[in-house]
Amino acid sequence: MKLILVGTLSSELGSHVDRWLDHPRIYADANLPSGIVQFMRARLGWDVLFVIEHDALRLARQLRRTLVSLDHDFFDKTKFSITESAGVIVISAPNERAL
């Protein structure tokens, strides 16, 4: 019996995806208003994945996407490490229209 080890979809194809795209690949977490997601997709032409996920940073890292969030907890480097990720953008505004 021969054992064949196969990586994850991300580990096997991730480096190839980066070469094919010339626009940001974004993972928008659950607290970002859907209107902002639509704006990023329609007006900015960004590839935005918008999924409700409790561990957004981990999933964004696996998918090689930059996480965009309203959650200021991501500033706490003792709780969230952005090492080996495409980064985290934390935005804030008084209301959705101001975003």
Protein backbone atom coordinates (compact mmCIF):
# COMPACT_ATOMS: atom_id res chain seq x y z
CA MET A 1 0.00 0.00 0.00
CA LYS A 2 1.38 3.38 -1.02
CA LEU A 3 0.60 6.42 1.16
CA ILE A 4 0.18 9.70 -0.69
CA LEU A 5 0.13 12.89 1.37
CA VAL A 6 -1.92 15.73 -0.05
CA GLY A 7 -2.09 19.25 1.33
CA THR A 8 -5.11 21.46 1.65
CA LEU A 9 -6.65 23.28 -1.27
CA SER A 10 -5.05 26.47 0.03
CA SER A 11 -1.56 25.00 0.43
CA GLU A 12 -1.66 23.34 -2.99
CA LEU A 13 -3.19 26.15 -5.07
CA GLY A 14 -2.70 29.31 -3.01
CA SER A 15 0.56 30.42 -4.58
CA HIS A 16 -0.91 30.03 -8.07
CA VAL A 17 -3.99 32.13 -7.27
CA ASP A 18 -1.81 35.10 -6.31
CA ARG A 19 -0.32 35.18 -9.82
CA TRP A 20 -3.70 35.17 -11.60
CA LEU A 21 -5.28 38.13 -9.84
CA ASP A 22 -4.55 41.82 -10.16
CA HIS A 23 -7.09 43.09 -7.64
CA PRO A 24 -7.55 42.70 -3.87
CA ARG A 25 -8.99 39.46 -2.53
CA ILE A 26 -11.07 40.36 0.52
CA TYR A 27 -12.76 38.36 3.25
CA ALA A 28 -15.43 40.57 4.83
CA ASP A 29 -16.44 39.42 8.28
CA ALA A 30 -19.97 39.25 9.62
CA ASN A 31 -20.07 42.70 11.21
CA LEU A 32 -19.42 44.56 7.96
CA PRO A 33 -22.68 45.91 6.49
CA SER A 34 -23.73 44.23 3.26
CA GLY A 35 -23.91 47.63 1.52
CA ILE A 36 -20.16 48.04 2.03
CA VAL A 37 -19.56 44.58 0.59
CA GLN A 38 -21.68 45.46 -2.46
CA PHE A 39 -19.72 48.71 -2.90
CA MET A 40 -16.38 46.88 -2.80
CA ARG A 41 -17.65 44.39 -5.38
CA ALA A 42 -19.54 46.71 -7.75
CA ARG A 43 -17.66 50.00 -7.55
CA LEU A 44 -14.14 48.88 -6.67
CA GLY A 45 -14.20 45.61 -8.61
CA TRP A 46 -12.73 43.67 -5.70
CA ASP A 47 -13.14 39.92 -5.19
CA VAL A 48 -15.03 39.90 -1.87
CA LEU A 49 -16.02 36.79 0.04
CA PHE A 50 -18.69 37.63 2.61
CA VAL A 51 -19.33 34.77 4.99
CA ILE A 52 -20.48 34.67 8.58
CA GLU A 53 -17.75 32.78 10.36
CA HIS A 54 -16.77 32.88 14.03
CA ASP A 55 -13.05 32.50 13.32
CA ALA A 56 -12.80 34.96 10.45
CA LEU A 57 -9.06 35.59 10.74
CA ARG A 58 -8.20 31.90 10.51
CA LEU A 59 -10.41 31.40 7.47
CA ALA A 60 -9.16 34.57 5.76
CA ARG A 61 -5.59 33.35 6.32
CA GLN A 62 -6.40 29.94 4.82
CA LEU A 63 -8.03 31.56 1.80
CA ARG A 64 -5.15 34.05 1.40
CA ARG A 65 -7.50 37.01 1.75
CA THR A 66 -7.23 40.32 3.57
CA LEU A 67 -9.78 40.47 6.39
CA VAL A 68 -11.89 43.67 6.48
CA SER A 69 -13.76 44.20 9.74
CA LEU A 70 -15.36 46.73 12.04
CA ASP A 71 -14.08 44.77 15.04
CA HIS A 72 -11.44 46.78 16.91
CA ASP A 73 -10.46 43.66 18.86
CA PHE A 74 -8.14 42.85 15.96
CA PHE A 75 -5.82 45.61 17.25
CA ASP A 76 -5.01 43.38 20.23
CA LYS A 77 -1.88 41.58 19.07
CA THR A 78 -1.96 39.31 22.12
CA LYS A 79 -5.27 37.84 20.95
CA PHE A 80 -4.84 37.95 17.17
CA SER A 81 -1.67 37.26 15.24
CA ILE A 82 -1.65 38.43 11.64
CA THR A 83 1.58 36.58 10.92
CA GLU A 84 1.49 34.77 7.60
CA SER A 85 -1.75 36.44 6.59
CA ALA A 86 -2.73 38.96 3.94
CA GLY A 87 -3.45 41.38 6.79
CA VAL A 88 -6.41 42.91 8.57
CA ILE A 89 -8.08 46.23 7.78
CA VAL A 90 -10.20 47.59 10.62
CA ILE A 91 -12.53 50.40 9.60
CA SER A 92 -14.85 52.56 11.65
CA ALA A 93 -17.45 55.24 11.11
CA PRO A 94 -20.41 56.57 13.08
CA ASN A 95 -22.90 54.85 10.76
CA GLU A 96 -23.15 52.75 7.59
CA ARG A 97 -23.62 55.76 5.33
CA ALA A 98 -20.38 57.28 6.60
CA LEU A 99 -18.52 54.08 5.74
